[in-house]
Amino acid sequence: MTLSVRIDTLGSAQRVLVHGLRFDVAPGQILTLMGASGRGKSSVLGAIAGTLASVAEGSEALRFEGSVQLNGHELAHRATAQRGIGLLFQDPLLFAHLSVAENLLFAVPPGQRAQRLASVQQALSEAGLAGYGERDPATLSGGQRARVALMRALLAQPRALLLDEPFSKLDATLREQFRAFVFGHIRSRGIPAVLVTHDAADIADPALVLDLGQEQVVNDAG
């Protein structure tokens, strides 16, 4: 499953944030977007995910002209929920009124309840949180909540994954551990991923880095 993005223009009527940007991300690869604040990194993720309607530049909504494809299928005109793209943010954004297991179950596709619950238990085990299903998310550490957020994103069976500075609020040791955890799951599941970060230590592959201060083309999917 290859993610192919072409951004002809991304911005508002007042300001162009990104133009002339193209990149391909192959299964299991992690492309890193870097650049100064305000250069449009998170907006690129919004264009891919289809969430630009909730983003504004000044008083105007951002507009995107270009193409977003997964394995050659155009997604740019599909609603966010129909794109099959997972999102992971700085904050875990767990549902406070649900238990840890219920947070995970929320993402599992419809099916037999026993199988869905088994998927949740497997995810907890993979995250090193077996037995934590009934816990209140507020009782977890920052690293534990981050792992739950990742497993929830993966349980939705995304065809691509977007990461908007998911490591930035963790201390150095935990950051390194969680980064390895995230990258390992992306690679083992063969999911193309795009990571926004300000920290060069987060770069998974130096050959797959885009600095939004420059016009660049990356085609490393083959």
N, C-alpha and C. Protein backbone atom coordinates (compact mmCIF):
# COMPACT_ATOMS: atom_id res chain seq x y z
N MET A 1 0.85 -1.18 0.00
CA MET A 1 0.00 0.00 0.00
C MET A 1 0.89 1.24 0.00
N THR A 2 1.00 1.91 -1.13
CA THR A 2 1.85 3.09 -1.26
C THR A 2 1.01 4.37 -1.18
N LEU A 3 1.47 5.30 -0.36
CA LEU A 3 0.83 6.61 -0.24
C LEU A 3 1.54 7.59 -1.16
N SER A 4 0.79 8.18 -2.08
CA SER A 4 1.35 9.15 -3.04
C SER A 4 0.64 10.48 -2.88
N VAL A 5 1.40 11.52 -2.63
CA VAL A 5 0.83 12.85 -2.37
C VAL A 5 1.41 13.87 -3.34
N ARG A 6 0.55 14.66 -3.93
CA ARG A 6 0.98 15.78 -4.78
C ARG A 6 0.24 17.03 -4.32
N ILE A 7 0.98 18.01 -3.86
CA ILE A 7 0.38 19.27 -3.42
C ILE A 7 0.78 20.35 -4.41
N ASP A 8 -0.17 20.74 -5.24
CA ASP A 8 0.07 21.86 -6.16
C ASP A 8 0.05 23.17 -5.38
N THR A 9 -1.00 23.35 -4.56
CA THR A 9 -1.12 24.54 -3.72
C THR A 9 -1.87 24.18 -2.44
N LEU A 10 -1.38 24.69 -1.32
CA LEU A 10 -2.04 24.51 -0.04
C LEU A 10 -1.93 25.83 0.73
N GLY A 11 -3.07 26.43 1.05
CA GLY A 11 -3.06 27.69 1.77
C GLY A 11 -4.41 28.37 1.72
N SER A 12 -4.41 29.64 2.05
CA SER A 12 -5.63 30.43 2.01
C SER A 12 -5.50 31.46 0.89
N ALA A 13 -6.54 32.25 0.72
CA ALA A 13 -6.47 33.31 -0.29
C ALA A 13 -5.43 34.35 0.08
N GLN A 14 -5.08 34.41 1.36
CA GLN A 14 -4.12 35.40 1.84
C GLN A 14 -2.68 34.91 1.79
N ARG A 15 -2.49 33.61 1.87
CA ARG A 15 -1.13 33.09 2.01
C ARG A 15 -1.03 31.67 1.50
N VAL A 16 -0.03 31.39 0.69
CA VAL A 16 0.27 30.03 0.24
C VAL A 16 1.27 29.42 1.20
N LEU A 17 0.91 28.30 1.83
CA LEU A 17 1.79 27.63 2.77
C LEU A 17 2.75 26.66 2.07
N VAL A 18 2.21 25.87 1.16
CA VAL A 18 3.00 24.83 0.48
C VAL A 18 2.60 24.79 -0.98
N HIS A 19 3.58 24.64 -1.86
CA HIS A 19 3.26 24.43 -3.27
C HIS A 19 4.39 23.62 -3.91
N GLY A 20 4.03 22.90 -4.95
CA GLY A 20 5.02 22.12 -5.69
C GLY A 20 5.65 21.00 -4.89
N LEU A 21 4.88 20.37 -4.01
CA LEU A 21 5.41 19.29 -3.17
C LEU A 21 4.86 17.95 -3.63
N ARG A 22 5.75 16.98 -3.80
CA ARG A 22 5.33 15.62 -4.18
C ARG A 22 6.16 14.62 -3.39
N PHE A 23 5.50 13.55 -2.94
CA PHE A 23 6.25 12.45 -2.32
C PHE A 23 5.46 11.16 -2.36
N ASP A 24 6.19 10.06 -2.38
CA ASP A 24 5.64 8.72 -2.30
C ASP A 24 6.20 8.05 -1.05
N VAL A 25 5.36 7.31 -0.34
CA VAL A 25 5.80 6.57 0.84
C VAL A 25 5.37 5.11 0.67
N ALA A 26 6.34 4.22 0.64
CA ALA A 26 6.07 2.80 0.43
C ALA A 26 5.61 2.13 1.71
N PRO A 27 5.06 0.92 1.63
CA PRO A 27 4.63 0.20 2.83
C PRO A 27 5.76 0.06 3.84
N GLY A 28 5.48 0.40 5.09
CA GLY A 28 6.47 0.27 6.15
C GLY A 28 7.48 1.39 6.21
N GLN A 29 7.41 2.36 5.31
CA GLN A 29 8.32 3.49 5.34
C GLN A 29 7.74 4.64 6.15
N ILE A 30 8.64 5.48 6.68
CA ILE A 30 8.23 6.64 7.48
C ILE A 30 8.90 7.87 6.90
N LEU A 31 8.12 8.73 6.25
CA LEU A 31 8.63 9.97 5.70
C LEU A 31 8.48 11.06 6.76
N THR A 32 9.55 11.83 6.97
CA THR A 32 9.56 12.86 8.00
C THR A 32 9.43 14.24 7.38
N LEU A 33 8.46 15.02 7.88
CA LEU A 33 8.28 16.41 7.48
C LEU A 33 8.86 17.32 8.55
N MET A 34 9.78 18.19 8.16
CA MET A 34 10.38 19.12 9.10
C MET A 34 10.26 20.54 8.56
N GLY A 35 10.67 21.51 9.35
CA GLY A 35 10.59 22.91 8.95
C GLY A 35 10.18 23.78 10.11
N ALA A 36 10.38 25.08 9.97
CA ALA A 36 10.04 26.02 11.03
C ALA A 36 8.53 26.04 11.27
N SER A 37 8.14 26.48 12.44
CA SER A 37 6.72 26.62 12.77
C SER A 37 6.04 27.55 11.76
N GLY A 38 4.83 27.18 11.37
CA GLY A 38 4.08 28.01 10.45
C GLY A 38 4.34 27.74 8.99
N ARG A 39 5.18 26.74 8.69
CA ARG A 39 5.48 26.45 7.29
C ARG A 39 4.50 25.46 6.66
N GLY A 40 3.55 24.94 7.43
CA GLY A 40 2.50 24.11 6.85
C GLY A 40 2.62 22.62 7.07
N LYS A 41 3.47 22.20 8.01
CA LYS A 41 3.66 20.76 8.23
C LYS A 41 2.36 20.06 8.61
N SER A 42 1.70 20.58 9.65
CA SER A 42 0.44 19.97 10.09
C SER A 42 -0.65 20.13 9.05
N SER A 43 -0.58 21.21 8.28
CA SER A 43 -1.57 21.42 7.22
C SER A 43 -1.43 20.37 6.12
N VAL A 44 -0.19 19.94 5.85
CA VAL A 44 0.01 18.85 4.89
C VAL A 44 -0.68 17.59 5.38
N LEU A 45 -0.55 17.29 6.67
CA LEU A 45 -1.25 16.13 7.22
C LEU A 45 -2.75 16.31 7.09
N GLY A 46 -3.24 17.53 7.31
CA GLY A 46 -4.67 17.79 7.16
C GLY A 46 -5.15 17.58 5.74
N ALA A 47 -4.32 17.95 4.76
CA ALA A 47 -4.67 17.73 3.36
C ALA A 47 -4.76 16.25 3.05
N ILE A 48 -3.85 15.47 3.61
CA ILE A 48 -3.85 14.02 3.38
C ILE A 48 -5.06 13.37 4.05
N ALA A 49 -5.33 13.80 5.29
CA ALA A 49 -6.42 13.18 6.05
C ALA A 49 -7.79 13.71 5.67
N GLY A 50 -7.85 14.88 5.03
CA GLY A 50 -9.13 15.46 4.67
C GLY A 50 -9.75 16.27 5.79
N THR A 51 -8.92 16.82 6.68
CA THR A 51 -9.44 17.56 7.84
C THR A 51 -9.20 19.06 7.73
N LEU A 52 -8.88 19.57 6.55
CA LEU A 52 -8.57 20.99 6.41
C LEU A 52 -9.76 21.89 6.72
N ALA A 53 -10.96 21.36 6.63
CA ALA A 53 -12.14 22.19 6.91
C ALA A 53 -12.15 22.69 8.34
N SER A 54 -11.40 21.99 9.23
CA SER A 54 -11.36 22.40 10.64
C SER A 54 -10.15 23.27 10.95
N VAL A 55 -9.36 23.60 9.91
CA VAL A 55 -8.16 24.41 10.08
C VAL A 55 -8.37 25.74 9.40
N ALA A 56 -7.89 26.81 9.99
CA ALA A 56 -8.04 28.13 9.39
C ALA A 56 -6.73 28.87 9.39
N GLU A 57 -6.50 29.63 8.36
CA GLU A 57 -5.34 30.53 8.25
C GLU A 57 -5.92 31.94 8.30
N GLY A 58 -5.73 32.59 9.46
CA GLY A 58 -6.41 33.86 9.63
C GLY A 58 -7.90 33.61 9.77
N SER A 59 -8.69 34.26 8.95
CA SER A 59 -10.14 34.09 9.02
C SER A 59 -10.67 33.19 7.92
N GLU A 60 -9.77 32.63 7.09
CA GLU A 60 -10.21 31.82 5.96
C GLU A 60 -9.78 30.37 6.11
N ALA A 61 -10.66 29.47 5.68
CA ALA A 61 -10.32 28.06 5.69
C ALA A 61 -9.22 27.78 4.67
N LEU A 62 -8.40 26.79 4.97
CA LEU A 62 -7.34 26.42 4.05
C LEU A 62 -7.92 25.63 2.88
N ARG A 63 -7.30 25.79 1.72
CA ARG A 63 -7.72 25.08 0.52
C ARG A 63 -6.56 24.28 -0.03
N PHE A 64 -6.90 23.12 -0.56
CA PHE A 64 -5.88 22.19 -1.08
C PHE A 64 -6.18 21.87 -2.54
N GLU A 65 -5.17 21.99 -3.37
CA GLU A 65 -5.27 21.55 -4.75
C GLU A 65 -4.15 20.55 -5.01
N GLY A 66 -4.54 19.36 -5.42
CA GLY A 66 -3.54 18.33 -5.66
C GLY A 66 -4.17 16.96 -5.63
N SER A 67 -3.39 15.98 -5.20
CA SER A 67 -3.84 14.59 -5.25
C SER A 67 -3.31 13.83 -4.03
N VAL A 68 -4.17 12.95 -3.49
CA VAL A 68 -3.77 12.02 -2.43
C VAL A 68 -4.22 10.64 -2.86
N GLN A 69 -3.28 9.73 -3.03
CA GLN A 69 -3.62 8.40 -3.53
C GLN A 69 -3.03 7.32 -2.64
N LEU A 70 -3.80 6.24 -2.49
CA LEU A 70 -3.31 5.01 -1.87
C LEU A 70 -3.40 3.91 -2.91
N ASN A 71 -2.24 3.37 -3.28
CA ASN A 71 -2.19 2.34 -4.32
C ASN A 71 -2.92 2.77 -5.59
N GLY A 72 -2.77 4.04 -5.95
CA GLY A 72 -3.35 4.54 -7.19
C GLY A 72 -4.80 4.96 -7.10
N HIS A 73 -5.43 4.80 -5.93
CA HIS A 73 -6.83 5.19 -5.76
C HIS A 73 -6.89 6.59 -5.16
N GLU A 74 -7.57 7.49 -5.83
CA GLU A 74 -7.64 8.88 -5.39
C GLU A 74 -8.53 9.03 -4.15
N LEU A 75 -7.99 9.75 -3.15
CA LEU A 75 -8.72 9.96 -1.90
C LEU A 75 -9.14 11.41 -1.69
N ALA A 76 -8.62 12.32 -2.48
CA ALA A 76 -8.76 13.75 -2.20
C ALA A 76 -10.21 14.21 -2.10
N HIS A 77 -11.12 13.52 -2.77
CA HIS A 77 -12.52 13.94 -2.74
C HIS A 77 -13.37 13.08 -1.81
N ARG A 78 -12.71 12.22 -1.03
CA ARG A 78 -13.44 11.39 -0.07
C ARG A 78 -13.47 12.07 1.30
N ALA A 79 -14.52 11.78 2.07
CA ALA A 79 -14.60 12.28 3.44
C ALA A 79 -13.50 11.63 4.27
N THR A 80 -13.14 12.29 5.36
CA THR A 80 -12.06 11.80 6.22
C THR A 80 -12.28 10.36 6.65
N ALA A 81 -13.50 10.04 7.08
CA ALA A 81 -13.79 8.71 7.60
C ALA A 81 -13.70 7.62 6.53
N GLN A 82 -13.72 8.01 5.25
CA GLN A 82 -13.68 7.04 4.17
C GLN A 82 -12.28 6.85 3.59
N ARG A 83 -11.28 7.51 4.15
CA ARG A 83 -9.94 7.44 3.58
C ARG A 83 -9.09 6.30 4.13
N GLY A 84 -9.47 5.77 5.29
CA GLY A 84 -8.69 4.69 5.88
C GLY A 84 -7.33 5.14 6.37
N ILE A 85 -7.23 6.38 6.86
CA ILE A 85 -5.96 6.93 7.31
C ILE A 85 -6.03 7.18 8.81
N GLY A 86 -5.05 6.64 9.55
CA GLY A 86 -5.00 6.80 10.99
C GLY A 86 -4.24 8.06 11.38
N LEU A 87 -4.57 8.61 12.56
CA LEU A 87 -3.97 9.85 13.04
C LEU A 87 -3.46 9.65 14.46
N LEU A 88 -2.26 10.18 14.73
CA LEU A 88 -1.70 10.16 16.08
C LEU A 88 -1.14 11.54 16.36
N PHE A 89 -1.55 12.14 17.48
CA PHE A 89 -1.23 13.53 17.77
C PHE A 89 -0.29 13.66 18.97
N GLN A 90 0.05 14.92 19.31
CA GLN A 90 0.87 15.19 20.50
C GLN A 90 0.20 14.65 21.75
N ASP A 91 -1.10 14.89 21.88
CA ASP A 91 -1.87 14.42 23.03
C ASP A 91 -2.58 13.12 22.67
N PRO A 92 -2.64 12.17 23.59
CA PRO A 92 -3.29 10.88 23.29
C PRO A 92 -4.76 10.99 22.91
N LEU A 93 -5.47 12.01 23.45
CA LEU A 93 -6.88 12.24 23.13
C LEU A 93 -7.74 11.01 23.42
N LEU A 94 -7.48 10.36 24.56
CA LEU A 94 -8.31 9.24 24.96
C LEU A 94 -9.63 9.75 25.52
N PHE A 95 -10.68 8.96 25.37
CA PHE A 95 -12.00 9.34 25.87
C PHE A 95 -12.01 9.18 27.39
N ALA A 96 -12.20 10.28 28.10
CA ALA A 96 -12.10 10.26 29.56
C ALA A 96 -13.22 9.45 30.21
N HIS A 97 -14.37 9.34 29.54
CA HIS A 97 -15.52 8.65 30.13
C HIS A 97 -15.50 7.15 29.84
N LEU A 98 -14.49 6.67 29.12
CA LEU A 98 -14.39 5.25 28.79
C LEU A 98 -13.16 4.64 29.45
N SER A 99 -13.23 3.36 29.75
CA SER A 99 -12.07 2.66 30.28
C SER A 99 -11.02 2.50 29.17
N VAL A 100 -9.85 2.02 29.54
CA VAL A 100 -8.80 1.78 28.55
C VAL A 100 -9.29 0.82 27.48
N ALA A 101 -9.90 -0.30 27.90
CA ALA A 101 -10.39 -1.29 26.95
C ALA A 101 -11.49 -0.71 26.06
N GLU A 102 -12.37 0.09 26.64
CA GLU A 102 -13.45 0.70 25.86
C GLU A 102 -12.90 1.69 24.84
N ASN A 103 -11.84 2.41 25.21
CA ASN A 103 -11.18 3.29 24.25
C ASN A 103 -10.68 2.50 23.05
N LEU A 104 -10.09 1.35 23.31
CA LEU A 104 -9.58 0.52 22.22
C LEU A 104 -10.71 -0.10 21.42
N LEU A 105 -11.73 -0.57 22.11
CA LEU A 105 -12.85 -1.22 21.43
C LEU A 105 -13.56 -0.26 20.48
N PHE A 106 -13.55 1.03 20.81
CA PHE A 106 -14.18 2.05 19.97
C PHE A 106 -13.63 2.02 18.55
N ALA A 107 -12.34 1.64 18.40
CA ALA A 107 -11.70 1.68 17.08
C ALA A 107 -11.82 0.38 16.30
N VAL A 108 -12.19 -0.70 16.97
CA VAL A 108 -12.23 -2.00 16.30
C VAL A 108 -13.40 -2.05 15.33
N PRO A 109 -13.17 -2.47 14.08
CA PRO A 109 -14.26 -2.54 13.10
C PRO A 109 -15.39 -3.46 13.57
N PRO A 110 -16.61 -3.24 13.08
CA PRO A 110 -17.74 -4.07 13.49
C PRO A 110 -17.48 -5.54 13.20
N GLY A 111 -18.07 -6.40 14.03
CA GLY A 111 -17.91 -7.84 13.87
C GLY A 111 -18.41 -8.54 15.11
N GLN A 112 -18.07 -9.81 15.26
CA GLN A 112 -18.49 -10.56 16.43
C GLN A 112 -17.81 -9.98 17.68
N ARG A 113 -18.59 -9.82 18.72
CA ARG A 113 -18.08 -9.15 19.92
C ARG A 113 -16.88 -9.90 20.50
N ALA A 114 -16.95 -11.22 20.52
CA ALA A 114 -15.85 -12.00 21.10
C ALA A 114 -14.54 -11.74 20.35
N GLN A 115 -14.62 -11.66 19.04
CA GLN A 115 -13.42 -11.40 18.25
C GLN A 115 -12.92 -9.98 18.47
N ARG A 116 -13.84 -9.03 18.60
CA ARG A 116 -13.45 -7.64 18.84
C ARG A 116 -12.77 -7.50 20.19
N LEU A 117 -13.32 -8.17 21.21
CA LEU A 117 -12.72 -8.11 22.53
C LEU A 117 -11.35 -8.78 22.53
N ALA A 118 -11.21 -9.86 21.76
CA ALA A 118 -9.91 -10.54 21.66
C ALA A 118 -8.88 -9.62 21.03
N SER A 119 -9.30 -8.84 20.06
CA SER A 119 -8.39 -7.88 19.43
C SER A 119 -7.91 -6.84 20.43
N VAL A 120 -8.81 -6.41 21.30
CA VAL A 120 -8.45 -5.44 22.34
C VAL A 120 -7.44 -6.04 23.29
N GLN A 121 -7.68 -7.27 23.74
CA GLN A 121 -6.75 -7.91 24.68
C GLN A 121 -5.38 -8.12 24.04
N GLN A 122 -5.36 -8.45 22.77
CA GLN A 122 -4.09 -8.62 22.07
C GLN A 122 -3.34 -7.28 21.99
N ALA A 123 -4.09 -6.21 21.71
CA ALA A 123 -3.47 -4.89 21.63
C ALA A 123 -2.89 -4.48 22.98
N LEU A 124 -3.61 -4.75 24.06
CA LEU A 124 -3.11 -4.43 25.40
C LEU A 124 -1.83 -5.22 25.68
N SER A 125 -1.82 -6.46 25.28
CA SER A 125 -0.62 -7.28 25.49
C SER A 125 0.57 -6.73 24.70
N GLU A 126 0.34 -6.37 23.44
CA GLU A 126 1.42 -5.83 22.60
C GLU A 126 1.96 -4.53 23.17
N ALA A 127 1.09 -3.76 23.83
CA ALA A 127 1.50 -2.48 24.40
C ALA A 127 2.11 -2.63 25.79
N GLY A 128 2.21 -3.89 26.28
CA GLY A 128 2.73 -4.10 27.62
C GLY A 128 1.76 -3.66 28.70
N LEU A 129 0.46 -3.71 28.38
CA LEU A 129 -0.57 -3.22 29.31
C LEU A 129 -1.62 -4.29 29.59
N ALA A 130 -1.24 -5.55 29.52
CA ALA A 130 -2.17 -6.62 29.85
C ALA A 130 -2.70 -6.42 31.27
N GLY A 131 -4.01 -6.56 31.43
CA GLY A 131 -4.63 -6.36 32.74
C GLY A 131 -5.02 -4.93 33.04
N TYR A 132 -4.75 -4.01 32.10
CA TYR A 132 -5.07 -2.60 32.31
C TYR A 132 -6.41 -2.22 31.69
N GLY A 133 -7.14 -3.16 31.13
CA GLY A 133 -8.34 -2.83 30.37
C GLY A 133 -9.40 -2.07 31.14
N GLU A 134 -9.57 -2.36 32.41
CA GLU A 134 -10.62 -1.72 33.19
C GLU A 134 -10.17 -0.41 33.84
N ARG A 135 -8.92 -0.03 33.62
CA ARG A 135 -8.40 1.18 34.24
C ARG A 135 -8.98 2.44 33.61
N ASP A 136 -9.07 3.47 34.42
CA ASP A 136 -9.42 4.81 33.94
C ASP A 136 -8.18 5.38 33.24
N PRO A 137 -8.31 5.91 32.01
CA PRO A 137 -7.15 6.47 31.33
C PRO A 137 -6.39 7.50 32.15
N ALA A 138 -7.09 8.21 33.03
CA ALA A 138 -6.45 9.24 33.84
C ALA A 138 -5.45 8.66 34.83
N THR A 139 -5.54 7.36 35.12
CA THR A 139 -4.63 6.74 36.07
C THR A 139 -3.35 6.23 35.40
N LEU A 140 -3.27 6.33 34.08
CA LEU A 140 -2.09 5.85 33.36
C LEU A 140 -1.01 6.92 33.30
N SER A 141 0.22 6.48 33.13
CA SER A 141 1.32 7.42 32.92
C SER A 141 1.24 7.98 31.50
N GLY A 142 2.03 9.03 31.23
CA GLY A 142 2.03 9.62 29.89
C GLY A 142 2.43 8.61 28.83
N GLY A 143 3.43 7.81 29.12
CA GLY A 143 3.86 6.80 28.15
C GLY A 143 2.82 5.73 27.92
N GLN A 144 2.13 5.34 28.98
CA GLN A 144 1.07 4.33 28.84
C GLN A 144 -0.09 4.87 28.01
N ARG A 145 -0.47 6.12 28.26
CA ARG A 145 -1.55 6.71 27.46
C ARG A 145 -1.14 6.81 26.00
N ALA A 146 0.12 7.14 25.74
CA ALA A 146 0.60 7.23 24.36
C ALA A 146 0.51 5.88 23.66
N ARG A 147 0.86 4.82 24.38
CA ARG A 147 0.79 3.47 23.78
C ARG A 147 -0.66 3.08 23.49
N VAL A 148 -1.57 3.43 24.40
CA VAL A 148 -2.99 3.14 24.16
C VAL A 148 -3.47 3.89 22.93
N ALA A 149 -3.06 5.15 22.78
CA ALA A 149 -3.49 5.93 21.62
C ALA A 149 -2.98 5.31 20.33
N LEU A 150 -1.74 4.82 20.33
CA LEU A 150 -1.22 4.17 19.13
C LEU A 150 -1.99 2.90 18.82
N MET A 151 -2.21 2.06 19.82
CA MET A 151 -2.91 0.80 19.57
C MET A 151 -4.34 1.07 19.11
N ARG A 152 -4.97 2.13 19.62
CA ARG A 152 -6.32 2.48 19.15
C ARG A 152 -6.28 2.85 17.68
N ALA A 153 -5.27 3.63 17.29
CA ALA A 153 -5.15 4.00 15.87
C ALA A 153 -4.92 2.77 15.00
N LEU A 154 -4.12 1.82 15.48
CA LEU A 154 -3.82 0.63 14.68
C LEU A 154 -5.00 -0.35 14.63
N LEU A 155 -5.80 -0.40 15.70
CA LEU A 155 -6.95 -1.30 15.72
C LEU A 155 -7.99 -0.92 14.67
N ALA A 156 -7.98 0.31 14.24
CA ALA A 156 -8.90 0.74 13.18
C ALA A 156 -8.45 0.25 11.81
N GLN A 157 -7.32 -0.46 11.76
CA GLN A 157 -6.78 -1.05 10.53
C GLN A 157 -6.54 0.01 9.45
N PRO A 158 -5.78 1.05 9.77
CA PRO A 158 -5.53 2.11 8.79
C PRO A 158 -4.66 1.62 7.64
N ARG A 159 -4.86 2.20 6.49
CA ARG A 159 -4.02 1.87 5.33
C ARG A 159 -2.81 2.80 5.23
N ALA A 160 -2.83 3.88 6.01
CA ALA A 160 -1.69 4.79 6.14
C ALA A 160 -1.82 5.45 7.50
N LEU A 161 -0.70 5.98 8.02
CA LEU A 161 -0.71 6.57 9.35
C LEU A 161 -0.01 7.92 9.32
N LEU A 162 -0.64 8.94 9.94
CA LEU A 162 -0.09 10.28 10.03
C LEU A 162 0.22 10.57 11.49
N LEU A 163 1.42 11.07 11.75
CA LEU A 163 1.87 11.31 13.12
C LEU A 163 2.28 12.78 13.27
N ASP A 164 1.53 13.52 14.08
CA ASP A 164 1.79 14.95 14.27
C ASP A 164 2.48 15.17 15.61
N GLU A 165 3.80 15.13 15.61
CA GLU A 165 4.64 15.32 16.79
C GLU A 165 4.17 14.48 17.98
N PRO A 166 4.00 13.17 17.79
CA PRO A 166 3.47 12.33 18.88
C PRO A 166 4.44 12.09 20.02
N PHE A 167 5.72 12.43 19.82
CA PHE A 167 6.72 12.17 20.86
C PHE A 167 7.10 13.43 21.64
N SER A 168 6.59 14.58 21.25
CA SER A 168 7.12 15.86 21.72
C SER A 168 6.91 16.11 23.22
N LYS A 169 5.90 15.51 23.83
CA LYS A 169 5.61 15.78 25.23
C LYS A 169 6.17 14.73 26.17
N LEU A 170 6.98 13.81 25.64
CA LEU A 170 7.58 12.76 26.46
C LEU A 170 9.00 13.14 26.85
N ASP A 171 9.45 12.67 28.02
CA ASP A 171 10.83 12.93 28.39
C ASP A 171 11.76 12.11 27.50
N ALA A 172 13.06 12.41 27.55
CA ALA A 172 14.01 11.86 26.57
C ALA A 172 14.02 10.34 26.53
N THR A 173 14.05 9.70 27.70
CA THR A 173 14.11 8.23 27.75
C THR A 173 12.83 7.62 27.22
N LEU A 174 11.69 8.13 27.68
CA LEU A 174 10.40 7.60 27.25
C LEU A 174 10.19 7.88 25.76
N ARG A 175 10.65 9.03 25.32
CA ARG A 175 10.53 9.39 23.90
C ARG A 175 11.22 8.36 23.02
N GLU A 176 12.43 8.00 23.40
CA GLU A 176 13.18 7.02 22.61
C GLU A 176 12.48 5.67 22.60
N GLN A 177 11.95 5.25 23.75
CA GLN A 177 11.27 3.96 23.84
C GLN A 177 9.99 3.95 23.02
N PHE A 178 9.19 5.02 23.14
CA PHE A 178 7.92 5.06 22.43
C PHE A 178 8.15 5.20 20.93
N ARG A 179 9.16 5.95 20.54
CA ARG A 179 9.48 6.09 19.12
C ARG A 179 9.81 4.73 18.51
N ALA A 180 10.63 3.94 19.21
CA ALA A 180 10.97 2.61 18.72
C ALA A 180 9.72 1.73 18.65
N PHE A 181 8.83 1.87 19.63
CA PHE A 181 7.58 1.11 19.66
C PHE A 181 6.71 1.46 18.45
N VAL A 182 6.55 2.74 18.18
CA VAL A 182 5.73 3.19 17.05
C VAL A 182 6.33 2.74 15.73
N PHE A 183 7.62 3.01 15.53
CA PHE A 183 8.27 2.67 14.27
C PHE A 183 8.24 1.15 14.02
N GLY A 184 8.41 0.38 15.10
CA GLY A 184 8.37 -1.08 14.95
C GLY A 184 7.03 -1.57 14.45
N HIS A 185 5.94 -0.99 14.96
CA HIS A 185 4.61 -1.40 14.52
C HIS A 185 4.34 -0.96 13.08
N ILE A 186 4.80 0.20 12.72
CA ILE A 186 4.61 0.68 11.34
C ILE A 186 5.31 -0.26 10.36
N ARG A 187 6.53 -0.63 10.69
CA ARG A 187 7.31 -1.49 9.78
C ARG A 187 6.77 -2.91 9.74
N SER A 188 6.41 -3.45 10.90
CA SER A 188 5.93 -4.84 10.92
C SER A 188 4.58 -4.99 10.23
N ARG A 189 3.77 -3.94 10.24
CA ARG A 189 2.45 -3.99 9.62
C ARG A 189 2.46 -3.47 8.18
N GLY A 190 3.59 -2.95 7.74
CA GLY A 190 3.69 -2.48 6.36
C GLY A 190 2.80 -1.29 6.06
N ILE A 191 2.72 -0.33 6.99
CA ILE A 191 1.88 0.85 6.82
C ILE A 191 2.74 2.03 6.37
N PRO A 192 2.41 2.71 5.29
CA PRO A 192 3.12 3.95 4.96
C PRO A 192 2.77 5.03 5.97
N ALA A 193 3.77 5.78 6.43
CA ALA A 193 3.53 6.77 7.48
C ALA A 193 4.23 8.08 7.16
N VAL A 194 3.61 9.18 7.62
CA VAL A 194 4.20 10.52 7.50
C VAL A 194 4.28 11.10 8.90
N LEU A 195 5.48 11.52 9.29
CA LEU A 195 5.74 12.03 10.64
C LEU A 195 6.12 13.50 10.57
N VAL A 196 5.43 14.33 11.35
CA VAL A 196 5.80 15.73 11.53
C VAL A 196 6.57 15.86 12.84
N THR A 197 7.74 16.48 12.80
CA THR A 197 8.54 16.66 14.01
C THR A 197 9.49 17.83 13.84
N HIS A 198 9.96 18.37 14.98
CA HIS A 198 11.01 19.38 14.98
C HIS A 198 12.35 18.78 15.42
N ASP A 199 12.33 17.51 15.83
CA ASP A 199 13.50 16.88 16.43
C ASP A 199 14.15 15.92 15.45
N ALA A 200 15.39 16.19 15.07
CA ALA A 200 16.10 15.34 14.12
C ALA A 200 16.28 13.92 14.64
N ALA A 201 16.24 13.74 15.95
CA ALA A 201 16.38 12.40 16.52
C ALA A 201 15.19 11.50 16.16
N ASP A 202 14.07 12.11 15.73
CA ASP A 202 12.88 11.33 15.37
C ASP A 202 12.95 10.78 13.95
N ILE A 203 13.94 11.18 13.17
CA ILE A 203 14.01 10.78 11.76
C ILE A 203 14.24 9.27 11.67
N ALA A 204 13.35 8.58 10.98
CA ALA A 204 13.47 7.13 10.83
C ALA A 204 14.41 6.75 9.71
N ASP A 205 14.44 7.54 8.63
CA ASP A 205 15.26 7.25 7.47
C ASP A 205 15.73 8.58 6.88
N PRO A 206 17.03 8.90 6.97
CA PRO A 206 17.52 10.18 6.46
C PRO A 206 17.20 10.43 4.99
N ALA A 207 16.98 9.35 4.23
CA ALA A 207 16.67 9.51 2.80
C ALA A 207 15.22 9.92 2.58
N LEU A 208 14.42 9.90 3.65
CA LEU A 208 13.00 10.21 3.52
C LEU A 208 12.65 11.39 4.43
N VAL A 209 13.33 12.51 4.21
CA VAL A 209 13.09 13.72 4.99
C VAL A 209 12.75 14.86 4.04
N LEU A 210 11.69 15.58 4.34
CA LEU A 210 11.30 16.76 3.58
C LEU A 210 11.35 17.98 4.49
N ASP A 211 12.09 19.00 4.06
CA ASP A 211 12.12 20.28 4.76
C ASP A 211 11.18 21.22 4.01
N LEU A 212 10.12 21.64 4.67
CA LEU A 212 9.12 22.46 3.98
C LEU A 212 9.60 23.88 3.73
N GLY A 213 10.83 24.17 4.06
CA GLY A 213 11.41 25.43 3.66
C GLY A 213 11.91 25.40 2.24
N GLN A 214 11.84 24.23 1.61
CA GLN A 214 12.34 24.06 0.24
C GLN A 214 11.32 23.28 -0.56
N GLU A 215 11.35 23.47 -1.89
CA GLU A 215 10.54 22.65 -2.79
C GLU A 215 11.30 21.36 -3.03
N GLN A 216 10.65 20.24 -2.79
CA GLN A 216 11.34 18.98 -2.94
C GLN A 216 10.40 17.94 -3.54
N VAL A 217 11.02 16.94 -4.14
CA VAL A 217 10.29 15.79 -4.64
C VAL A 217 10.95 14.55 -4.10
N VAL A 218 10.18 13.69 -3.45
CA VAL A 218 10.71 12.44 -2.94
C VAL A 218 9.93 11.31 -3.58
N ASN A 219 10.62 10.41 -4.22
CA ASN A 219 9.98 9.24 -4.83
C ASN A 219 10.83 8.05 -4.48
N ASP A 220 10.50 7.43 -3.34
CA ASP A 220 11.30 6.31 -2.85
C ASP A 220 10.42 5.11 -2.54
N ALA A 221 9.33 5.01 -3.29
CA ALA A 221 8.38 3.94 -3.02
C ALA A 221 8.70 2.66 -3.77
N GLY A 222 9.65 2.71 -4.67
CA GLY A 222 9.88 1.54 -5.48
C GLY A 222 11.05 0.72 -5.12
